[in-house]
């Protein structure tokens, strides 16, 4: 919570998880709940993403991905994968 993140160089200490800004202890027990500033019901993960976007100025996709710099490649089904010998019918 104290670590600053770009681009605004702001920490999540001002993020209100339902018990006041910066209060983390016991916040998970009261979630999900309605947050007036977002005008919706949020669980912990959604609320943290909301704070990362609004306070830190991060893009939602970057915040959801985490701190890895590598882009997420779409998963594709390999239709040319070899079949195992057990799956073949004799």
C-alpha atoms as a PDB file:
ATOM      1  CA  UNK A   1       0.000   0.000   0.000  1.00  0.00           C
ATOM      2  CA  UNK A   2       2.896   2.408   0.655  1.00  0.00           C
ATOM      3  CA  UNK A   3       4.733   1.717  -2.625  1.00  0.00           C
ATOM      4  CA  UNK A   4       4.233   4.425  -5.236  1.00  0.00           C
ATOM      5  CA  UNK A   5       3.339   3.385  -8.777  1.00  0.00           C
ATOM      6  CA  UNK A   6       3.657   5.351 -12.012  1.00  0.00           C
ATOM      7  CA  UNK A   7       2.407   7.372 -13.814  1.00  0.00           C
ATOM      8  CA  UNK A   8       1.173   9.637 -10.966  1.00  0.00           C
ATOM      9  CA  UNK A   9       3.702   8.320  -8.385  1.00  0.00           C
ATOM     10  CA  UNK A  10       0.943   7.869  -5.798  1.00  0.00           C
ATOM     11  CA  UNK A  11       0.563   5.030  -3.298  1.00  0.00           C
ATOM     12  CA  UNK A  12      -2.702   3.292  -2.449  1.00  0.00           C
ATOM     13  CA  UNK A  13      -2.750   4.687   1.109  1.00  0.00           C
ATOM     14  CA  UNK A  14      -5.625   6.997   0.141  1.00  0.00           C
ATOM     15  CA  UNK A  15      -7.696   4.098  -1.199  1.00  0.00           C
ATOM     16  CA  UNK A  16     -10.848   3.620   0.866  1.00  0.00           C
ATOM     17  CA  UNK A  17     -11.689  -0.076   1.242  1.00  0.00           C
ATOM     18  CA  UNK A  18     -14.781   0.689   3.281  1.00  0.00           C
ATOM     19  CA  UNK A  19     -13.303   1.521   6.687  1.00  0.00           C
ATOM     20  CA  UNK A  20     -11.598   4.774   5.792  1.00  0.00           C
ATOM     21  CA  UNK A  21      -8.661   5.754   3.640  1.00  0.00           C
ATOM     22  CA  UNK A  22      -5.632   3.548   4.257  1.00  0.00           C
ATOM     23  CA  UNK A  23      -7.373   1.171   6.702  1.00  0.00           C
ATOM     24  CA  UNK A  24      -6.743  -2.396   5.569  1.00  0.00           C
ATOM     25  CA  UNK A  25      -7.289  -4.443   8.714  1.00  0.00           C
ATOM     26  CA  UNK A  26     -10.761  -5.990   8.676  1.00  0.00           C
ATOM     27  CA  UNK A  27     -11.710  -4.466   5.324  1.00  0.00           C
ATOM     28  CA  UNK A  28     -11.997  -7.810   3.524  1.00  0.00           C
ATOM     29  CA  UNK A  29     -14.698  -8.987   5.936  1.00  0.00           C
ATOM     30  CA  UNK A  30     -16.968  -6.100   4.954  1.00  0.00           C
ATOM     31  CA  UNK A  31     -16.694  -6.670   1.217  1.00  0.00           C
ATOM     32  CA  UNK A  32     -18.411  -6.774  -1.229  1.00  0.00           C
ATOM     33  CA  UNK A  33     -20.205  -3.522  -0.544  1.00  0.00           C
ATOM     34  CA  UNK A  34     -21.524  -0.411  -2.277  1.00  0.00           C
ATOM     35  CA  UNK A  35     -19.047   2.428  -2.831  1.00  0.00           C
ATOM     36  CA  UNK A  36     -20.642   5.815  -3.444  1.00  0.00           C
ATOM     37  CA  UNK A  37     -17.675   7.292  -5.337  1.00  0.00           C
ATOM     38  CA  UNK A  38     -17.869   4.535  -7.968  1.00  0.00           C
ATOM     39  CA  UNK A  39     -21.660   4.133  -7.723  1.00  0.00           C
ATOM     40  CA  UNK A  40     -21.427   0.335  -7.698  1.00  0.00           C
ATOM     41  CA  UNK A  41     -20.879  -2.717  -5.541  1.00  0.00           C
ATOM     42  CA  UNK A  42     -17.260  -3.891  -5.461  1.00  0.00           C
ATOM     43  CA  UNK A  43     -15.269  -6.742  -4.003  1.00  0.00           C
ATOM     44  CA  UNK A  44     -11.655  -6.321  -2.879  1.00  0.00           C
ATOM     45  CA  UNK A  45     -10.037  -6.995  -6.254  1.00  0.00           C
ATOM     46  CA  UNK A  46     -12.393  -4.667  -8.119  1.00  0.00           C
ATOM     47  CA  UNK A  47     -11.913  -1.923  -5.528  1.00  0.00           C
ATOM     48  CA  UNK A  48      -8.124  -2.154  -5.697  1.00  0.00           C
ATOM     49  CA  UNK A  49      -8.261  -1.957  -9.491  1.00  0.00           C
ATOM     50  CA  UNK A  50     -10.564   1.056  -9.206  1.00  0.00           C
ATOM     51  CA  UNK A  51      -8.096   2.784  -6.871  1.00  0.00           C
ATOM     52  CA  UNK A  52      -5.172   1.981  -9.166  1.00  0.00           C
ATOM     53  CA  UNK A  53      -6.994   3.577 -12.081  1.00  0.00           C
ATOM     54  CA  UNK A  54      -8.408   6.632 -10.267  1.00  0.00           C
ATOM     55  CA  UNK A  55      -5.596   7.446  -7.817  1.00  0.00           C
ATOM     56  CA  UNK A  56      -2.504   6.231  -9.616  1.00  0.00           C
ATOM     57  CA  UNK A  57      -3.664   7.027 -13.139  1.00  0.00           C
ATOM     58  CA  UNK A  58      -2.867   3.588 -14.475  1.00  0.00           C
ATOM     59  CA  UNK A  59      -4.752   2.043 -17.367  1.00  0.00           C
ATOM     60  CA  UNK A  60      -7.187  -0.659 -16.305  1.00  0.00           C
ATOM     61  CA  UNK A  61      -5.517  -3.299 -18.477  1.00  0.00           C
ATOM     62  CA  UNK A  62      -2.079  -2.547 -17.006  1.00  0.00           C
ATOM     63  CA  UNK A  63      -3.395  -2.572 -13.450  1.00  0.00           C
ATOM     64  CA  UNK A  64      -5.165  -5.896 -13.949  1.00  0.00           C
ATOM     65  CA  UNK A  65      -2.105  -7.452 -15.557  1.00  0.00           C
ATOM     66  CA  UNK A  66       0.196  -6.627 -12.669  1.00  0.00           C
ATOM     67  CA  UNK A  67       3.722  -5.321 -12.730  1.00  0.00           C
ATOM     68  CA  UNK A  68       5.049  -7.513 -15.547  1.00  0.00           C
ATOM     69  CA  UNK A  69       6.247  -5.516 -18.518  1.00  0.00           C
ATOM     70  CA  UNK A  70       5.660  -8.305 -21.025  1.00  0.00           C
ATOM     71  CA  UNK A  71       2.392  -8.070 -22.962  1.00  0.00           C
ATOM     72  CA  UNK A  72      -0.157 -10.796 -22.465  1.00  0.00           C
ATOM     73  CA  UNK A  73      -0.421 -12.989 -25.550  1.00  0.00           C
ATOM     74  CA  UNK A  74      -3.843 -14.408 -26.366  1.00  0.00           C
ATOM     75  CA  UNK A  75      -4.194 -18.119 -25.748  1.00  0.00           C
ATOM     76  CA  UNK A  76      -4.809 -20.066 -28.899  1.00  0.00           C
ATOM     77  CA  UNK A  77      -5.787 -23.645 -29.375  1.00  0.00           C
ATOM     78  CA  UNK A  78      -3.156 -25.557 -31.290  1.00  0.00           C
ATOM     79  CA  UNK A  79      -5.181 -27.580 -33.744  1.00  0.00           C
ATOM     80  CA  UNK A  80      -2.070 -29.292 -35.082  1.00  0.00           C
ATOM     81  CA  UNK A  81      -1.013 -30.845 -31.805  1.00  0.00           C
ATOM     82  CA  UNK A  82       0.043 -34.469 -32.076  1.00  0.00           C
ATOM     83  CA  UNK A  83      -2.283 -37.099 -30.719  1.00  0.00           C
ATOM     84  CA  UNK A  84      -1.053 -39.431 -28.050  1.00  0.00           C
ATOM     85  CA  UNK A  85      -0.750 -43.153 -28.829  1.00  0.00           C
ATOM     86  CA  UNK A  86      -3.430 -43.907 -26.225  1.00  0.00           C
ATOM     87  CA  UNK A  87      -6.052 -41.812 -27.991  1.00  0.00           C
ATOM     88  CA  UNK A  88      -5.725 -43.714 -31.260  1.00  0.00           C
ATOM     89  CA  UNK A  89      -8.240 -46.436 -31.967  1.00  0.00           C
ATOM     90  CA  UNK A  90      -6.704 -49.697 -33.143  1.00  0.00           C
END
